[in-house]
C-alpha atoms as a PDB file:
ATOM      1  CA  MET A   1     171.622  -1.378 -14.802  1.00  0.00           C
ATOM      2  CA  LEU A   2     172.558   2.303 -13.846  1.00  0.00           C
ATOM      3  CA  ILE A   3     173.179   4.587 -16.204  1.00  0.00           C
ATOM      4  CA  LYS A   4     175.817   7.277 -14.844  1.00  0.00           C
ATOM      5  CA  ILE A   5     175.266  10.992 -16.683  1.00  0.00           C
ATOM      6  CA  ARG A   6     177.792  13.540 -16.291  1.00  0.00           C
ATOM      7  CA  CYS A   7     176.994  17.636 -17.017  1.00  0.00           C
ATOM      8  CA  TYR A   8     179.446  19.718 -17.905  1.00  0.00           C
ATOM      9  CA  VAL A   9     178.303  23.164 -17.497  1.00  0.00           C
ATOM     10  CA  MET A  10     181.028  25.688 -19.172  1.00  0.00           C
ATOM     11  CA  ALA A  11     181.082  28.991 -17.023  1.00  0.00           C
ATOM     12  CA  LYS A  12     180.434  31.866 -19.514  1.00  0.00           C
ATOM     13  CA  GLU A  13     183.006  34.584 -19.013  1.00  0.00           C
ATOM     14  CA  LEU A  14     181.917  38.254 -18.805  1.00  0.00           C
ATOM     15  CA  ASN A  15     183.455  40.922 -21.062  1.00  0.00           C
ATOM     16  CA  GLU A  16     182.444  44.120 -22.445  1.00  0.00           C
ATOM     17  CA  GLU A  17     180.662  42.505 -24.837  1.00  0.00           C
ATOM     18  CA  SER A  18     178.324  40.541 -22.793  1.00  0.00           C
ATOM     19  CA  GLY A  19     175.074  41.219 -23.472  1.00  0.00           C
ATOM     20  CA  PHE A  20     171.675  39.195 -22.255  1.00  0.00           C
ATOM     21  CA  ARG A  21     168.219  39.988 -23.182  1.00  0.00           C
ATOM     22  CA  ILE A  22     165.240  41.584 -21.096  1.00  0.00           C
ATOM     23  CA  SER A  23     161.788  41.842 -22.022  1.00  0.00           C
ATOM     24  CA  ILE A  24     160.159  45.411 -21.981  1.00  0.00           C
ATOM     25  CA  LYS A  25     157.452  43.547 -19.825  1.00  0.00           C
ATOM     26  CA  THR A  26     160.243  42.636 -17.405  1.00  0.00           C
ATOM     27  CA  LEU A  27     161.921  45.958 -17.696  1.00  0.00           C
ATOM     28  CA  ILE A  28     158.124  48.116 -16.968  1.00  0.00           C
ATOM     29  CA  GLY A  29     157.262  45.181 -13.944  1.00  0.00           C
ATOM     30  CA  ILE A  30     161.122  46.299 -12.365  1.00  0.00           C
ATOM     31  CA  ALA A  31     160.281  50.232 -12.597  1.00  0.00           C
ATOM     32  CA  VAL A  32     157.155  50.135 -11.069  1.00  0.00           C
ATOM     33  CA  GLY A  33     158.189  47.761  -8.415  1.00  0.00           C
ATOM     34  CA  ILE A  34     161.236  50.498  -7.773  1.00  0.00           C
ATOM     35  CA  THR A  35     158.350  52.873  -7.908  1.00  0.00           C
ATOM     36  CA  THR A  36     156.385  51.409  -5.643  1.00  0.00           C
ATOM     37  CA  VAL A  37     159.109  50.632  -2.871  1.00  0.00           C
ATOM     38  CA  VAL A  38     160.064  54.308  -3.123  1.00  0.00           C
ATOM     39  CA  SER A  39     156.760  56.205  -2.616  1.00  0.00           C
ATOM     40  CA  PHE A  40     156.166  53.853   0.344  1.00  0.00           C
ATOM     41  CA  TRP A  41     159.353  54.913   1.619  1.00  0.00           C
ATOM     42  CA  PHE A  42     158.938  58.846   1.444  1.00  0.00           C
ATOM     43  CA  ALA A  43     154.905  58.416   3.017  1.00  0.00           C
ATOM     44  CA  PHE A  44     156.744  56.364   5.546  1.00  0.00           C
ATOM     45  CA  GLN A  45     158.986  59.091   6.464  1.00  0.00           C
ATOM     46  CA  ALA A  46     156.571  61.778   6.337  1.00  0.00           C
ATOM     47  CA  GLN A  47     154.465  59.750   8.902  1.00  0.00           C
ATOM     48  CA  LEU A  48     157.501  59.463  10.684  1.00  0.00           C
ATOM     49  CA  ASP A  49     158.196  63.094  10.629  1.00  0.00           C
ATOM     50  CA  SER A  50     154.368  63.820  11.511  1.00  0.00           C
ATOM     51  CA  MET A  51     154.429  61.875  14.274  1.00  0.00           C
ATOM     52  CA  ARG A  52     158.109  62.961  16.148  1.00  0.00           C
ATOM     53  CA  ASP A  53     156.345  66.838  15.236  1.00  0.00           C
ATOM     54  CA  ASP A  54     153.253  65.196  17.580  1.00  0.00           C
ATOM     55  CA  ILE A  55     155.233  64.382  20.566  1.00  0.00           C
ATOM     56  CA  GLU A  56     157.252  67.308  20.276  1.00  0.00           C
ATOM     57  CA  GLU A  57     153.843  68.999  20.811  1.00  0.00           C
ATOM     58  CA  ALA A  58     152.705  66.665  23.304  1.00  0.00           C
ATOM     59  CA  LYS A  59     155.984  67.649  25.242  1.00  0.00           C
ATOM     60  CA  THR A  60     154.908  71.038  25.649  1.00  0.00           C
ATOM     61  CA  LEU A  61     151.383  70.660  26.645  1.00  0.00           C
ATOM     62  CA  PRO A  62     150.712  70.849  30.522  1.00  0.00           C
ATOM     63  CA  ALA A  63     149.934  67.048  32.091  1.00  0.00           C
ATOM     64  CA  PRO A  64     146.376  66.660  32.683  1.00  0.00           C
ATOM     65  CA  ASN A  65     144.610  66.957  35.722  1.00  0.00           C
ATOM     66  CA  ILE A  66     142.313  63.969  36.729  1.00  0.00           C
ATOM     67  CA  SER A  67     140.259  65.142  40.102  1.00  0.00           C
ATOM     68  CA  ARG A  68     138.959  62.567  42.890  1.00  0.00           C
ATOM     69  CA  THR A  69     135.374  62.885  41.425  1.00  0.00           C
ATOM     70  CA  GLU A  70     136.473  62.317  38.064  1.00  0.00           C
ATOM     71  CA  TYR A  71     138.394  59.039  39.191  1.00  0.00           C
ATOM     72  CA  GLU A  72     135.872  57.973  41.606  1.00  0.00           C
ATOM     73  CA  LEU A  73     133.505  58.024  38.845  1.00  0.00           C
ATOM     74  CA  LYS A  74     135.281  55.956  36.577  1.00  0.00           C
ATOM     75  CA  ASP A  75     136.346  53.750  39.050  1.00  0.00           C
ATOM     76  CA  GLU A  76     132.735  52.797  39.864  1.00  0.00           C
ATOM     77  CA  LEU A  77     131.926  53.053  36.327  1.00  0.00           C
ATOM     78  CA  VAL A  78     134.625  50.528  35.592  1.00  0.00           C
ATOM     79  CA  ARG A  79     133.389  48.214  38.927  1.00  0.00           C
ATOM     80  CA  SER A  80     129.574  48.137  37.712  1.00  0.00           C
ATOM     81  CA  THR A  81     130.347  47.337  34.380  1.00  0.00           C
ATOM     82  CA  ILE A  82     132.608  44.316  35.602  1.00  0.00           C
ATOM     83  CA  LEU A  83     129.911  43.150  37.493  1.00  0.00           C
ATOM     84  CA  ASN A  84     127.517  43.259  35.061  1.00  0.00           C
ATOM     85  CA  THR A  85     129.233  41.341  33.132  1.00  0.00           C
ATOM     86  CA  GLN A  86     129.826  38.549  36.046  1.00  0.00           C
ATOM     87  CA  GLU A  87     125.569  38.489  35.852  1.00  0.00           C
ATOM     88  CA  ASP A  88     125.467  38.601  32.292  1.00  0.00           C
ATOM     89  CA  VAL A  89     128.169  35.254  32.158  1.00  0.00           C
ATOM     90  CA  SER A  90     125.887  33.719  35.320  1.00  0.00           C
ATOM     91  CA  GLU A  91     122.403  33.908  33.326  1.00  0.00           C
ATOM     92  CA  ILE A  92     124.374  32.036  30.357  1.00  0.00           C
ATOM     93  CA  LYS A  93     125.245  29.661  32.130  1.00  0.00           C
ATOM     94  CA  GLU A  94     121.847  29.039  33.703  1.00  0.00           C
ATOM     95  CA  ASP A  95     120.909  29.273  30.044  1.00  0.00           C
ATOM     96  CA  LEU A  96     123.214  26.712  28.627  1.00  0.00           C
ATOM     97  CA  LYS A  97     122.400  24.236  31.811  1.00  0.00           C
ATOM     98  CA  ALA A  98     118.759  24.328  30.766  1.00  0.00           C
ATOM     99  CA  ILE A  99     119.464  23.540  27.022  1.00  0.00           C
ATOM    100  CA  GLU A 100     121.608  20.638  27.656  1.00  0.00           C
ATOM    101  CA  LYS A 101     119.347  19.635  29.886  1.00  0.00           C
ATOM    102  CA  HIS A 102     116.866  20.029  27.625  1.00  0.00           C
ATOM    103  CA  LEU A 103     118.856  17.741  24.833  1.00  0.00           C
ATOM    104  CA  ARG A 104     119.723  14.669  27.424  1.00  0.00           C
ATOM    105  CA  GLY A 105     116.190  14.918  27.752  1.00  0.00           C
ATOM    106  CA  LYS A 106     115.422  14.320  24.283  1.00  0.00           C
END
């Protein structure tokens, strides 16, 4: 058995005498939300202005000079760090193989 229910919703007409209810709690929530958004906006704008000033100042500074010796030392440091890391990884792999062998033996 199928029952059909029809709902008719009459739209209310808005005019000068129309009104609505809103609680004080809701109004305070809306005010806090708007205040938060506006505060974030002004803080963001201030941070952008500061960053623009820093960029403009950086444009006026001379380019840093990197000597050949400094470049070579940094390059050597990076290469040695990579080699040390590779050695550490090899040691860890060996330790892992020993652990696996020990676990399989049990």
